[in-house]
Amino acid sequence: MSQTYIRLPTLTLDLLVGVYPVERLQTQRIALDLKLKLALCPASRTDDLCDTLDYDHVIERVRALTALERPKLLEHFAGRLADDLLLRFSVLEAIEIKLGKQLNGDPPVYVEVIHERSRGDSD
């Protein structure tokens, strides 16, 4: 059985995220990696966009949700994003989301959250 994934590595977005008051004053640059597992992908035979996931639409939705959400935690945003994408795009079987941001400090630290969800999963 063949399996098809679409990866959208290293999208950079501005998100108002954080627990501490200083983090709530302005957006932070986050890095977003998506690995999208398709339930069925006849496009490998048909060469037709209608037979796969239009990743331009996925990117548009990610940007829209990033502009709307104001999460405290990256984990929460990853879960919201996974739920939204699985709901909107029926061809998705599973999704892996990796979110990262720079933490202030000396030296600065980079943190990543990885969230995986399959269709039908519930938290």
PDB file of N, CA and C in Angstrom:
ATOM      1  N   MET A   1       0.841  -1.178   0.000  1.00  0.00           N
ATOM      2  CA  MET A   1       0.000   0.000   0.000  1.00  0.00           C
ATOM      3  C   MET A   1       0.889   1.245   0.000  1.00  0.00           C
ATOM      4  N   SER A   2       0.616   2.156  -0.893  1.00  0.00           N
ATOM      5  CA  SER A   2       1.389   3.396  -0.931  1.00  0.00           C
ATOM      6  C   SER A   2       0.780   4.414   0.020  1.00  0.00           C
ATOM      7  N   GLN A   3       1.627   5.325   0.468  1.00  0.00           N
ATOM      8  CA  GLN A   3       1.198   6.373   1.380  1.00  0.00           C
ATOM      9  C   GLN A   3       1.757   7.690   0.883  1.00  0.00           C
ATOM     10  N   THR A   4       0.950   8.737   0.952  1.00  0.00           N
ATOM     11  CA  THR A   4       1.390  10.052   0.490  1.00  0.00           C
ATOM     12  C   THR A   4       1.364  11.043   1.647  1.00  0.00           C
ATOM     13  N   TYR A   5       2.447  11.797   1.757  1.00  0.00           N
ATOM     14  CA  TYR A   5       2.561  12.880   2.727  1.00  0.00           C
ATOM     15  C   TYR A   5       2.878  14.158   1.974  1.00  0.00           C
ATOM     16  N   ILE A   6       2.392  15.254   2.476  1.00  0.00           N
ATOM     17  CA  ILE A   6       2.804  16.571   1.998  1.00  0.00           C
ATOM     18  C   ILE A   6       3.454  17.266   3.180  1.00  0.00           C
ATOM     19  N   ARG A   7       4.661  17.777   2.974  1.00  0.00           N
ATOM     20  CA  ARG A   7       5.355  18.524   4.026  1.00  0.00           C
ATOM     21  C   ARG A   7       5.407  19.991   3.657  1.00  0.00           C
ATOM     22  N   LEU A   8       5.126  20.812   4.619  1.00  0.00           N
ATOM     23  CA  LEU A   8       5.276  22.257   4.492  1.00  0.00           C
ATOM     24  C   LEU A   8       6.256  22.674   5.583  1.00  0.00           C
ATOM     25  N   PRO A   9       7.547  22.628   5.280  1.00  0.00           N
ATOM     26  CA  PRO A   9       8.542  22.915   6.314  1.00  0.00           C
ATOM     27  C   PRO A   9       8.812  24.408   6.478  1.00  0.00           C
ATOM     28  N   THR A  10       8.987  24.788   7.688  1.00  0.00           N
ATOM     29  CA  THR A  10       9.470  26.102   8.081  1.00  0.00           C
ATOM     30  C   THR A  10       8.689  27.271   7.501  1.00  0.00           C
ATOM     31  N   LEU A  11       7.398  27.286   7.771  1.00  0.00           N
ATOM     32  CA  LEU A  11       6.608  28.485   7.529  1.00  0.00           C
ATOM     33  C   LEU A  11       6.895  29.418   8.708  1.00  0.00           C
ATOM     34  N   THR A  12       7.144  30.672   8.445  1.00  0.00           N
ATOM     35  CA  THR A  12       7.349  31.614   9.545  1.00  0.00           C
ATOM     36  C   THR A  12       6.128  32.521   9.636  1.00  0.00           C
ATOM     37  N   LEU A  13       5.637  32.653  10.853  1.00  0.00           N
ATOM     38  CA  LEU A  13       4.403  33.392  11.107  1.00  0.00           C
ATOM     39  C   LEU A  13       4.572  34.227  12.366  1.00  0.00           C
ATOM     40  N   ASP A  14       3.771  35.269  12.479  1.00  0.00           N
ATOM     41  CA  ASP A  14       3.743  36.076  13.699  1.00  0.00           C
ATOM     42  C   ASP A  14       2.499  35.708  14.487  1.00  0.00           C
ATOM     43  N   LEU A  15       2.698  35.341  15.748  1.00  0.00           N
ATOM     44  CA  LEU A  15       1.610  34.876  16.603  1.00  0.00           C
ATOM     45  C   LEU A  15       1.716  35.556  17.966  1.00  0.00           C
ATOM     46  N   LEU A  16       0.603  36.017  18.469  1.00  0.00           N
ATOM     47  CA  LEU A  16       0.576  36.534  19.828  1.00  0.00           C
ATOM     48  C   LEU A  16       0.429  35.329  20.745  1.00  0.00           C
ATOM     49  N   VAL A  17       1.538  34.930  21.368  1.00  0.00           N
ATOM     50  CA  VAL A  17       1.570  33.718  22.179  1.00  0.00           C
ATOM     51  C   VAL A  17       2.438  33.968  23.405  1.00  0.00           C
ATOM     52  N   GLY A  18       2.017  33.398  24.522  1.00  0.00           N
ATOM     53  CA  GLY A  18       2.830  33.482  25.725  1.00  0.00           C
ATOM     54  C   GLY A  18       1.992  33.586  26.969  1.00  0.00           C
ATOM     55  N   VAL A  19       2.576  33.198  28.067  1.00  0.00           N
ATOM     56  CA  VAL A  19       1.915  33.207  29.363  1.00  0.00           C
ATOM     57  C   VAL A  19       2.224  34.500  30.111  1.00  0.00           C
ATOM     58  N   TYR A  20       3.438  34.971  29.988  1.00  0.00           N
ATOM     59  CA  TYR A  20       3.891  36.119  30.767  1.00  0.00           C
ATOM     60  C   TYR A  20       3.409  37.438  30.158  1.00  0.00           C
ATOM     61  N   PRO A  21       3.112  38.425  30.994  1.00  0.00           N
ATOM     62  CA  PRO A  21       2.601  39.705  30.493  1.00  0.00           C
ATOM     63  C   PRO A  21       3.453  40.327  29.393  1.00  0.00           C
ATOM     64  N   VAL A  22       4.760  40.246  29.506  1.00  0.00           N
ATOM     65  CA  VAL A  22       5.626  40.834  28.487  1.00  0.00           C
ATOM     66  C   VAL A  22       5.440  40.137  27.131  1.00  0.00           C
ATOM     67  N   GLU A  23       5.091  38.850  27.152  1.00  0.00           N
ATOM     68  CA  GLU A  23       4.860  38.111  25.906  1.00  0.00           C
ATOM     69  C   GLU A  23       3.535  38.491  25.248  1.00  0.00           C
ATOM     70  N   ARG A  24       2.622  39.059  26.012  1.00  0.00           N
ATOM     71  CA  ARG A  24       1.300  39.391  25.505  1.00  0.00           C
ATOM     72  C   ARG A  24       1.247  40.781  24.873  1.00  0.00           C
ATOM     73  N   LEU A  25       2.384  41.495  24.886  1.00  0.00           N
ATOM     74  CA  LEU A  25       2.428  42.860  24.357  1.00  0.00           C
ATOM     75  C   LEU A  25       2.568  42.917  22.842  1.00  0.00           C
ATOM     76  N   GLN A  26       3.235  41.933  22.259  1.00  0.00           N
ATOM     77  CA  GLN A  26       3.420  41.939  20.809  1.00  0.00           C
ATOM     78  C   GLN A  26       3.589  40.518  20.284  1.00  0.00           C
ATOM     79  N   THR A  27       3.364  40.370  18.987  1.00  0.00           N
ATOM     80  CA  THR A  27       3.484  39.050  18.388  1.00  0.00           C
ATOM     81  C   THR A  27       4.932  38.576  18.442  1.00  0.00           C
ATOM     82  N   GLN A  28       5.079  37.266  18.375  1.00  0.00           N
ATOM     83  CA  GLN A  28       6.393  36.643  18.303  1.00  0.00           C
ATOM     84  C   GLN A  28       6.490  35.869  16.996  1.00  0.00           C
ATOM     85  N   ARG A  29       7.670  35.810  16.454  1.00  0.00           N
ATOM     86  CA  ARG A  29       7.908  35.032  15.238  1.00  0.00           C
ATOM     87  C   ARG A  29       7.988  33.558  15.630  1.00  0.00           C
ATOM     88  N   ILE A  30       7.164  32.742  14.999  1.00  0.00           N
ATOM     89  CA  ILE A  30       7.210  31.300  15.233  1.00  0.00           C
ATOM     90  C   ILE A  30       7.540  30.602  13.922  1.00  0.00           C
ATOM     91  N   ALA A  31       8.128  29.437  14.042  1.00  0.00           N
ATOM     92  CA  ALA A  31       8.381  28.572  12.896  1.00  0.00           C
ATOM     93  C   ALA A  31       7.389  27.417  12.967  1.00  0.00           C
ATOM     94  N   LEU A  32       6.784  27.104  11.856  1.00  0.00           N
ATOM     95  CA  LEU A  32       5.770  26.057  11.793  1.00  0.00           C
ATOM     96  C   LEU A  32       6.151  25.069  10.700  1.00  0.00           C
ATOM     97  N   ASP A  33       6.164  23.798  11.081  1.00  0.00           N
ATOM     98  CA  ASP A  33       6.406  22.699  10.157  1.00  0.00           C
ATOM     99  C   ASP A  33       5.149  21.837  10.141  1.00  0.00           C
ATOM    100  N   LEU A  34       4.642  21.514   8.972  1.00  0.00           N
ATOM    101  CA  LEU A  34       3.480  20.625   8.867  1.00  0.00           C
ATOM    102  C   LEU A  34       3.855  19.378   8.071  1.00  0.00           C
ATOM    103  N   LYS A  35       3.442  18.238   8.568  1.00  0.00           N
ATOM    104  CA  LYS A  35       3.529  16.984   7.822  1.00  0.00           C
ATOM    105  C   LYS A  35       2.104  16.456   7.743  1.00  0.00           C
ATOM    106  N   LEU A  36       1.563  16.416   6.534  1.00  0.00           N
ATOM    107  CA  LEU A  36       0.166  16.084   6.300  1.00  0.00           C
ATOM    108  C   LEU A  36       0.073  14.708   5.638  1.00  0.00           C
ATOM    109  N   LYS A  37      -0.559  13.783   6.318  1.00  0.00           N
ATOM    110  CA  LYS A  37      -0.745  12.439   5.778  1.00  0.00           C
ATOM    111  C   LYS A  37      -2.090  12.386   5.078  1.00  0.00           C
ATOM    112  N   LEU A  38      -2.067  12.017   3.813  1.00  0.00           N
ATOM    113  CA  LEU A  38      -3.301  11.986   3.026  1.00  0.00           C
ATOM    114  C   LEU A  38      -3.957  10.613   3.120  1.00  0.00           C
ATOM    115  N   ALA A  39      -5.272  10.617   3.250  1.00  0.00           N
ATOM    116  CA  ALA A  39      -6.037   9.376   3.364  1.00  0.00           C
ATOM    117  C   ALA A  39      -6.002   8.584   2.056  1.00  0.00           C
ATOM    118  N   LEU A  40      -6.113   9.283   0.961  1.00  0.00           N
ATOM    119  CA  LEU A  40      -6.127   8.645  -0.358  1.00  0.00           C
ATOM    120  C   LEU A  40      -5.604   9.680  -1.334  1.00  0.00           C
ATOM    121  N   CYS A  41      -4.705   9.271  -2.200  1.00  0.00           N
ATOM    122  CA  CYS A  41      -4.141  10.261  -3.111  1.00  0.00           C
ATOM    123  C   CYS A  41      -4.013   9.694  -4.522  1.00  0.00           C
ATOM    124  N   PRO A  42      -5.120   9.674  -5.263  1.00  0.00           N
ATOM    125  CA  PRO A  42      -5.055   9.203  -6.642  1.00  0.00           C
ATOM    126  C   PRO A  42      -4.291  10.154  -7.560  1.00  0.00           C
ATOM    127  N   ALA A  43      -3.919  11.337  -7.070  1.00  0.00           N
ATOM    128  CA  ALA A  43      -3.211  12.312  -7.909  1.00  0.00           C
ATOM    129  C   ALA A  43      -1.896  11.765  -8.440  1.00  0.00           C
ATOM    130  N   SER A  44      -1.310  10.791  -7.761  1.00  0.00           N
ATOM    131  CA  SER A  44      -0.072  10.197  -8.270  1.00  0.00           C
ATOM    132  C   SER A  44      -0.304   9.489  -9.610  1.00  0.00           C
ATOM    133  N   ARG A  45      -1.558   9.133  -9.873  1.00  0.00           N
ATOM    134  CA  ARG A  45      -1.905   8.527 -11.161  1.00  0.00           C
ATOM    135  C   ARG A  45      -2.609   9.508 -12.101  1.00  0.00           C
ATOM    136  N   THR A  46      -3.434  10.402 -11.541  1.00  0.00           N
ATOM    137  CA  THR A  46      -4.263  11.260 -12.384  1.00  0.00           C
ATOM    138  C   THR A  46      -3.629  12.602 -12.741  1.00  0.00           C
ATOM    139  N   ASP A  47      -2.683  13.067 -11.921  1.00  0.00           N
ATOM    140  CA  ASP A  47      -2.046  14.378 -12.107  1.00  0.00           C
ATOM    141  C   ASP A  47      -3.076  15.502 -12.062  1.00  0.00           C
ATOM    142  N   ASP A  48      -4.096  15.335 -11.200  1.00  0.00           N
ATOM    143  CA  ASP A  48      -5.190  16.301 -11.095  1.00  0.00           C
ATOM    144  C   ASP A  48      -5.244  16.865  -9.676  1.00  0.00           C
ATOM    145  N   LEU A  49      -5.232  18.181  -9.557  1.00  0.00           N
ATOM    146  CA  LEU A  49      -5.271  18.846  -8.253  1.00  0.00           C
ATOM    147  C   LEU A  49      -6.507  18.456  -7.450  1.00  0.00           C
ATOM    148  N   CYS A  50      -7.591  18.159  -8.118  1.00  0.00           N
ATOM    149  CA  CYS A  50      -8.823  17.761  -7.425  1.00  0.00           C
ATOM    150  C   CYS A  50      -8.660  16.437  -6.674  1.00  0.00           C
ATOM    151  N   ASP A  51      -7.621  15.680  -7.000  1.00  0.00           N
ATOM    152  CA  ASP A  51      -7.404  14.376  -6.385  1.00  0.00           C
ATOM    153  C   ASP A  51      -6.386  14.412  -5.237  1.00  0.00           C
ATOM    154  N   THR A  52      -6.065  15.588  -4.752  1.00  0.00           N
ATOM    155  CA  THR A  52      -5.109  15.703  -3.659  1.00  0.00           C
ATOM    156  C   THR A  52      -5.470  16.894  -2.782  1.00  0.00           C
ATOM    157  N   LEU A  53      -4.584  17.260  -1.911  1.00  0.00           N
ATOM    158  CA  LEU A  53      -4.761  18.399  -1.012  1.00  0.00           C
ATOM    159  C   LEU A  53      -4.122  19.630  -1.639  1.00  0.00           C
ATOM    160  N   ASP A  54      -4.879  20.697  -1.751  1.00  0.00           N
ATOM    161  CA  ASP A  54      -4.338  21.949  -2.274  1.00  0.00           C
ATOM    162  C   ASP A  54      -3.628  22.655  -1.120  1.00  0.00           C
ATOM    163  N   TYR A  55      -2.313  22.563  -1.112  1.00  0.00           N
ATOM    164  CA  TYR A  55      -1.567  23.106   0.026  1.00  0.00           C
ATOM    165  C   TYR A  55      -1.613  24.625   0.089  1.00  0.00           C
ATOM    166  N   ASP A  56      -1.932  25.299  -1.009  1.00  0.00           N
ATOM    167  CA  ASP A  56      -2.143  26.748  -0.931  1.00  0.00           C
ATOM    168  C   ASP A  56      -3.313  27.067   0.000  1.00  0.00           C
ATOM    169  N   HIS A  57      -4.365  26.251  -0.058  1.00  0.00           N
ATOM    170  CA  HIS A  57      -5.517  26.452   0.827  1.00  0.00           C
ATOM    171  C   HIS A  57      -5.153  26.173   2.283  1.00  0.00           C
ATOM    172  N   VAL A  58      -4.288  25.183   2.493  1.00  0.00           N
ATOM    173  CA  VAL A  58      -3.827  24.881   3.849  1.00  0.00           C
ATOM    174  C   VAL A  58      -3.055  26.077   4.406  1.00  0.00           C
ATOM    175  N   ILE A  59      -2.148  26.621   3.619  1.00  0.00           N
ATOM    176  CA  ILE A  59      -1.351  27.768   4.061  1.00  0.00           C
ATOM    177  C   ILE A  59      -2.246  28.965   4.353  1.00  0.00           C
ATOM    178  N   GLU A  60      -3.227  29.221   3.502  1.00  0.00           N
ATOM    179  CA  GLU A  60      -4.179  30.316   3.748  1.00  0.00           C
ATOM    180  C   GLU A  60      -4.889  30.120   5.083  1.00  0.00           C
ATOM    181  N   ARG A  61      -5.313  28.894   5.366  1.00  0.00           N
ATOM    182  CA  ARG A  61      -6.038  28.624   6.612  1.00  0.00           C
ATOM    183  C   ARG A  61      -5.125  28.784   7.825  1.00  0.00           C
ATOM    184  N   VAL A  62      -3.880  28.311   7.716  1.00  0.00           N
ATOM    185  CA  VAL A  62      -2.919  28.463   8.809  1.00  0.00           C
ATOM    186  C   VAL A  62      -2.695  29.943   9.107  1.00  0.00           C
ATOM    187  N   ARG A  63      -2.520  30.748   8.070  1.00  0.00           N
ATOM    188  CA  ARG A  63      -2.311  32.191   8.266  1.00  0.00           C
ATOM    189  C   ARG A  63      -3.536  32.854   8.893  1.00  0.00           C
ATOM    190  N   ALA A  64      -4.719  32.458   8.458  1.00  0.00           N
ATOM    191  CA  ALA A  64      -5.948  33.035   9.018  1.00  0.00           C
ATOM    192  C   ALA A  64      -6.086  32.683  10.495  1.00  0.00           C
ATOM    193  N   LEU A  65      -5.840  31.442  10.845  1.00  0.00           N
ATOM    194  CA  LEU A  65      -5.958  31.014  12.236  1.00  0.00           C
ATOM    195  C   LEU A  65      -4.891  31.682  13.106  1.00  0.00           C
ATOM    196  N   THR A  66      -3.710  31.854  12.566  1.00  0.00           N
ATOM    197  CA  THR A  66      -2.632  32.531  13.299  1.00  0.00           C
ATOM    198  C   THR A  66      -3.021  33.973  13.608  1.00  0.00           C
ATOM    199  N   ALA A  67      -3.709  34.625  12.691  1.00  0.00           N
ATOM    200  CA  ALA A  67      -4.139  36.008  12.908  1.00  0.00           C
ATOM    201  C   ALA A  67      -5.261  36.100  13.941  1.00  0.00           C
ATOM    202  N   LEU A  68      -6.084  35.051  14.066  1.00  0.00           N
ATOM    203  CA  LEU A  68      -7.228  35.069  14.976  1.00  0.00           C
ATOM    204  C   LEU A  68      -6.895  34.632  16.399  1.00  0.00           C
ATOM    205  N   GLU A  69      -6.037  33.653  16.526  1.00  0.00           N
ATOM    206  CA  GLU A  69      -5.767  33.039  17.826  1.00  0.00           C
ATOM    207  C   GLU A  69      -4.846  33.896  18.692  1.00  0.00           C
ATOM    208  N   ARG A  70      -5.013  33.784  19.983  1.00  0.00           N
ATOM    209  CA  ARG A  70      -4.177  34.466  20.985  1.00  0.00           C
ATOM    210  C   ARG A  70      -3.857  33.480  22.112  1.00  0.00           C
ATOM    211  N   PRO A  71      -3.209  32.355  21.792  1.00  0.00           N
ATOM    212  CA  PRO A  71      -3.002  31.325  22.815  1.00  0.00           C
ATOM    213  C   PRO A  71      -1.921  31.713  23.825  1.00  0.00           C
ATOM    214  N   LYS A  72      -2.026  31.115  24.987  1.00  0.00           N
ATOM    215  CA  LYS A  72      -0.956  31.251  25.965  1.00  0.00           C
ATOM    216  C   LYS A  72       0.148  30.238  25.679  1.00  0.00           C
ATOM    217  N   LEU A  73      -0.244  29.062  25.216  1.00  0.00           N
ATOM    218  CA  LEU A  73       0.702  27.962  25.034  1.00  0.00           C
ATOM    219  C   LEU A  73       0.799  27.526  23.571  1.00  0.00           C
ATOM    220  N   LEU A  74       2.007  27.207  23.132  1.00  0.00           N
ATOM    221  CA  LEU A  74       2.197  26.638  21.796  1.00  0.00           C
ATOM    222  C   LEU A  74       1.434  25.322  21.667  1.00  0.00           C
ATOM    223  N   GLU A  75       1.383  24.543  22.756  1.00  0.00           N
ATOM    224  CA  GLU A  75       0.673  23.261  22.731  1.00  0.00           C
ATOM    225  C   GLU A  75      -0.802  23.452  22.392  1.00  0.00           C
ATOM    226  N   HIS A  76      -1.401  24.482  22.961  1.00  0.00           N
ATOM    227  CA  HIS A  76      -2.813  24.753  22.693  1.00  0.00           C
ATOM    228  C   HIS A  76      -3.024  25.165  21.235  1.00  0.00           C
ATOM    229  N   PHE A  77      -2.164  26.025  20.740  1.00  0.00           N
ATOM    230  CA  PHE A  77      -2.291  26.454  19.344  1.00  0.00           C
ATOM    231  C   PHE A  77      -2.103  25.275  18.398  1.00  0.00           C
ATOM    232  N   ALA A  78      -1.155  24.400  18.687  1.00  0.00           N
ATOM    233  CA  ALA A  78      -0.949  23.216  17.844  1.00  0.00           C
ATOM    234  C   ALA A  78      -2.199  22.346  17.804  1.00  0.00           C
ATOM    235  N   GLY A  79      -2.836  22.157  18.954  1.00  0.00           N
ATOM    236  CA  GLY A  79      -4.067  21.367  19.010  1.00  0.00           C
ATOM    237  C   GLY A  79      -5.210  22.012  18.250  1.00  0.00           C
ATOM    238  N   ARG A  80      -5.364  23.320  18.396  1.00  0.00           N
ATOM    239  CA  ARG A  80      -6.416  24.052  17.667  1.00  0.00           C
ATOM    240  C   ARG A  80      -6.181  23.967  16.157  1.00  0.00           C
ATOM    241  N   LEU A  81      -4.941  24.138  15.758  1.00  0.00           N
ATOM    242  CA  LEU A  81      -4.603  24.082  14.336  1.00  0.00           C
ATOM    243  C   LEU A  81      -4.864  22.683  13.774  1.00  0.00           C
ATOM    244  N   ALA A  82      -4.469  21.659  14.504  1.00  0.00           N
ATOM    245  CA  ALA A  82      -4.707  20.281  14.053  1.00  0.00           C
ATOM    246  C   ALA A  82      -6.204  20.008  13.900  1.00  0.00           C
ATOM    247  N   ASP A  83      -6.986  20.382  14.907  1.00  0.00           N
ATOM    248  CA  ASP A  83      -8.438  20.174  14.834  1.00  0.00           C
ATOM    249  C   ASP A  83      -9.038  20.885  13.623  1.00  0.00           C
ATOM    250  N   ASP A  84      -8.641  22.128  13.430  1.00  0.00           N
ATOM    251  CA  ASP A  84      -9.192  22.934  12.346  1.00  0.00           C
ATOM    252  C   ASP A  84      -8.862  22.333  10.978  1.00  0.00           C
ATOM    253  N   LEU A  85      -7.620  21.959  10.767  1.00  0.00           N
ATOM    254  CA  LEU A  85      -7.210  21.431   9.463  1.00  0.00           C
ATOM    255  C   LEU A  85      -7.861  20.084   9.183  1.00  0.00           C
ATOM    256  N   LEU A  86      -7.936  19.214  10.185  1.00  0.00           N
ATOM    257  CA  LEU A  86      -8.584  17.917   9.985  1.00  0.00           C
ATOM    258  C   LEU A  86     -10.075  18.074   9.694  1.00  0.00           C
ATOM    259  N   LEU A  87     -10.693  19.070  10.291  1.00  0.00           N
ATOM    260  CA  LEU A  87     -12.113  19.332  10.050  1.00  0.00           C
ATOM    261  C   LEU A  87     -12.348  19.890   8.646  1.00  0.00           C
ATOM    262  N   ARG A  88     -11.494  20.792   8.205  1.00  0.00           N
ATOM    263  CA  ARG A  88     -11.686  21.491   6.934  1.00  0.00           C
ATOM    264  C   ARG A  88     -11.273  20.688   5.703  1.00  0.00           C
ATOM    265  N   PHE A  89     -10.310  19.804   5.854  1.00  0.00           N
ATOM    266  CA  PHE A  89      -9.755  19.092   4.695  1.00  0.00           C
ATOM    267  C   PHE A  89      -9.963  17.593   4.886  1.00  0.00           C
ATOM    268  N   SER A  90     -11.007  17.074   4.254  1.00  0.00           N
ATOM    269  CA  SER A  90     -11.410  15.684   4.469  1.00  0.00           C
ATOM    270  C   SER A  90     -10.383  14.677   3.951  1.00  0.00           C
ATOM    271  N   VAL A  91      -9.514  15.073   3.058  1.00  0.00           N
ATOM    272  CA  VAL A  91      -8.509  14.163   2.518  1.00  0.00           C
ATOM    273  C   VAL A  91      -7.384  13.909   3.528  1.00  0.00           C
ATOM    274  N   LEU A  92      -7.301  14.727   4.586  1.00  0.00           N
ATOM    275  CA  LEU A  92      -6.271  14.530   5.612  1.00  0.00           C
ATOM    276  C   LEU A  92      -6.625  13.348   6.502  1.00  0.00           C
ATOM    277  N   GLU A  93      -5.664  12.459   6.689  1.00  0.00           N
ATOM    278  CA  GLU A  93      -5.825  11.327   7.592  1.00  0.00           C
ATOM    279  C   GLU A  93      -5.158  11.614   8.940  1.00  0.00           C
ATOM    280  N   ALA A  94      -4.022  12.283   8.875  1.00  0.00           N
ATOM    281  CA  ALA A  94      -3.280  12.607  10.096  1.00  0.00           C
ATOM    282  C   ALA A  94      -2.417  13.829   9.825  1.00  0.00           C
ATOM    283  N   ILE A  95      -1.978  14.450  10.925  1.00  0.00           N
ATOM    284  CA  ILE A  95      -1.185  15.661  10.805  1.00  0.00           C
ATOM    285  C   ILE A  95      -0.141  15.678  11.919  1.00  0.00           C
ATOM    286  N   GLU A  96       1.034  16.138  11.568  1.00  0.00           N
ATOM    287  CA  GLU A  96       2.076  16.393  12.563  1.00  0.00           C
ATOM    288  C   GLU A  96       2.437  17.868  12.466  1.00  0.00           C
ATOM    289  N   ILE A  97       2.370  18.550  13.589  1.00  0.00           N
ATOM    290  CA  ILE A  97       2.654  19.977  13.651  1.00  0.00           C
ATOM    291  C   ILE A  97       3.846  20.194  14.562  1.00  0.00           C
ATOM    292  N   LYS A  98       4.821  20.916  14.068  1.00  0.00           N
ATOM    293  CA  LYS A  98       5.977  21.285  14.871  1.00  0.00           C
ATOM    294  C   LYS A  98       6.014  22.804  14.922  1.00  0.00           C
ATOM    295  N   LEU A  99       5.937  23.355  16.134  1.00  0.00           N
ATOM    296  CA  LEU A  99       5.977  24.805  16.352  1.00  0.00           C
ATOM    297  C   LEU A  99       7.220  25.143  17.155  1.00  0.00           C
ATOM    298  N   GLY A 100       7.900  26.213  16.762  1.00  0.00           N
ATOM    299  CA  GLY A 100       9.079  26.619  17.505  1.00  0.00           C
ATOM    300  C   GLY A 100       9.135  28.123  17.674  1.00  0.00           C
ATOM    301  N   LYS A 101       9.776  28.542  18.764  1.00  0.00           N
ATOM    302  CA  LYS A 101       9.985  29.971  18.990  1.00  0.00           C
ATOM    303  C   LYS A 101      11.248  30.167  19.816  1.00  0.00           C
ATOM    304  N   GLN A 102      11.779  31.352  19.695  1.00  0.00           N
ATOM    305  CA  GLN A 102      12.977  31.748  20.431  1.00  0.00           C
ATOM    306  C   GLN A 102      12.569  32.245  21.814  1.00  0.00           C
ATOM    307  N   LEU A 103      13.231  31.743  22.852  1.00  0.00           N
ATOM    308  CA  LEU A 103      13.009  32.229  24.208  1.00  0.00           C
ATOM    309  C   LEU A 103      14.095  33.229  24.566  1.00  0.00           C
ATOM    310  N   ASN A 104      13.713  34.290  25.232  1.00  0.00           N
ATOM    311  CA  ASN A 104      14.704  35.261  25.685  1.00  0.00           C
ATOM    312  C   ASN A 104      15.516  34.656  26.812  1.00  0.00           C
ATOM    313  N   GLY A 105      16.741  35.043  26.876  1.00  0.00           N
ATOM    314  CA  GLY A 105      17.626  34.557  27.923  1.00  0.00           C
ATOM    315  C   GLY A 105      19.059  34.729  27.489  1.00  0.00           C
ATOM    316  N   ASP A 106      19.953  34.334  28.331  1.00  0.00           N
ATOM    317  CA  ASP A 106      21.374  34.450  28.024  1.00  0.00           C
ATOM    318  C   ASP A 106      22.034  33.109  28.283  1.00  0.00           C
ATOM    319  N   PRO A 107      22.314  32.336  27.273  1.00  0.00           N
ATOM    320  CA  PRO A 107      22.051  32.603  25.860  1.00  0.00           C
ATOM    321  C   PRO A 107      20.595  32.300  25.510  1.00  0.00           C
ATOM    322  N   PRO A 108      20.103  32.855  24.392  1.00  0.00           N
ATOM    323  CA  PRO A 108      18.724  32.549  23.969  1.00  0.00           C
ATOM    324  C   PRO A 108      18.555  31.052  23.710  1.00  0.00           C
ATOM    325  N   VAL A 109      17.366  30.563  23.955  1.00  0.00           N
ATOM    326  CA  VAL A 109      17.047  29.147  23.774  1.00  0.00           C
ATOM    327  C   VAL A 109      15.926  29.042  22.756  1.00  0.00           C
ATOM    328  N   TYR A 110      15.998  28.033  21.900  1.00  0.00           N
ATOM    329  CA  TYR A 110      14.941  27.770  20.936  1.00  0.00           C
ATOM    330  C   TYR A 110      14.144  26.582  21.444  1.00  0.00           C
ATOM    331  N   VAL A 111      12.823  26.708  21.466  1.00  0.00           N
ATOM    332  CA  VAL A 111      11.965  25.636  21.960  1.00  0.00           C
ATOM    333  C   VAL A 111      11.029  25.191  20.836  1.00  0.00           C
ATOM    334  N   GLU A 112      10.750  23.879  20.794  1.00  0.00           N
ATOM    335  CA  GLU A 112       9.807  23.334  19.814  1.00  0.00           C
ATOM    336  C   GLU A 112       8.771  22.481  20.536  1.00  0.00           C
ATOM    337  N   VAL A 113       7.555  22.516  20.023  1.00  0.00           N
ATOM    338  CA  VAL A 113       6.472  21.648  20.463  1.00  0.00           C
ATOM    339  C   VAL A 113       6.054  20.830  19.251  1.00  0.00           C
ATOM    340  N   ILE A 114       5.935  19.527  19.428  1.00  0.00           N
ATOM    341  CA  ILE A 114       5.494  18.643  18.341  1.00  0.00           C
ATOM    342  C   ILE A 114       4.164  18.020  18.755  1.00  0.00           C
ATOM    343  N   HIS A 115       3.181  18.151  17.871  1.00  0.00           N
ATOM    344  CA  HIS A 115       1.823  17.662  18.144  1.00  0.00           C
ATOM    345  C   HIS A 115       1.387  16.786  16.971  1.00  0.00           C
ATOM    346  N   GLU A 116       0.943  15.576  17.270  1.00  0.00           N
ATOM    347  CA  GLU A 116       0.438  14.672  16.239  1.00  0.00           C
ATOM    348  C   GLU A 116      -1.024  14.378  16.521  1.00  0.00           C
ATOM    349  N   ARG A 117      -1.808  14.344  15.456  1.00  0.00           N
ATOM    350  CA  ARG A 117      -3.228  14.032  15.607  1.00  0.00           C
ATOM    351  C   ARG A 117      -3.680  13.295  14.362  1.00  0.00           C
ATOM    352  N   SER A 118      -4.529  12.280  14.560  1.00  0.00           N
ATOM    353  CA  SER A 118      -5.146  11.544  13.449  1.00  0.00           C
ATOM    354  C   SER A 118      -6.633  11.811  13.451  1.00  0.00           C
ATOM    355  N   ARG A 119      -7.249  11.627  12.321  1.00  0.00           N
ATOM    356  CA  ARG A 119      -8.698  11.800  12.224  1.00  0.00           C
ATOM    357  C   ARG A 119      -9.361  10.863  13.228  1.00  0.00           C
ATOM    358  N   GLY A 120     -10.275  11.396  14.011  1.00  0.00           N
ATOM    359  CA  GLY A 120     -10.978  10.598  15.012  1.00  0.00           C
ATOM    360  C   GLY A 120     -10.343  10.632  16.395  1.00  0.00           C
ATOM    361  N   ASP A 121      -9.112  11.166  16.502  1.00  0.00           N
ATOM    362  CA  ASP A 121      -8.481  11.305  17.834  1.00  0.00           C
ATOM    363  C   ASP A 121      -9.222  12.375  18.611  1.00  0.00           C
ATOM    364  N   SER A 122      -9.210  12.229  19.910  1.00  0.00           N
ATOM    365  CA  SER A 122      -9.740  13.298  20.769  1.00  0.00           C
ATOM    366  C   SER A 122      -8.804  13.440  21.958  1.00  0.00           C
ATOM    367  N   ASP A 123      -8.656  14.663  22.423  1.00  0.00           N
ATOM    368  CA  ASP A 123      -7.796  14.921  23.600  1.00  0.00           C
ATOM    369  C   ASP A 123      -8.627  14.983  24.849  1.00  0.00           C
TER     370      ASP A 123
END
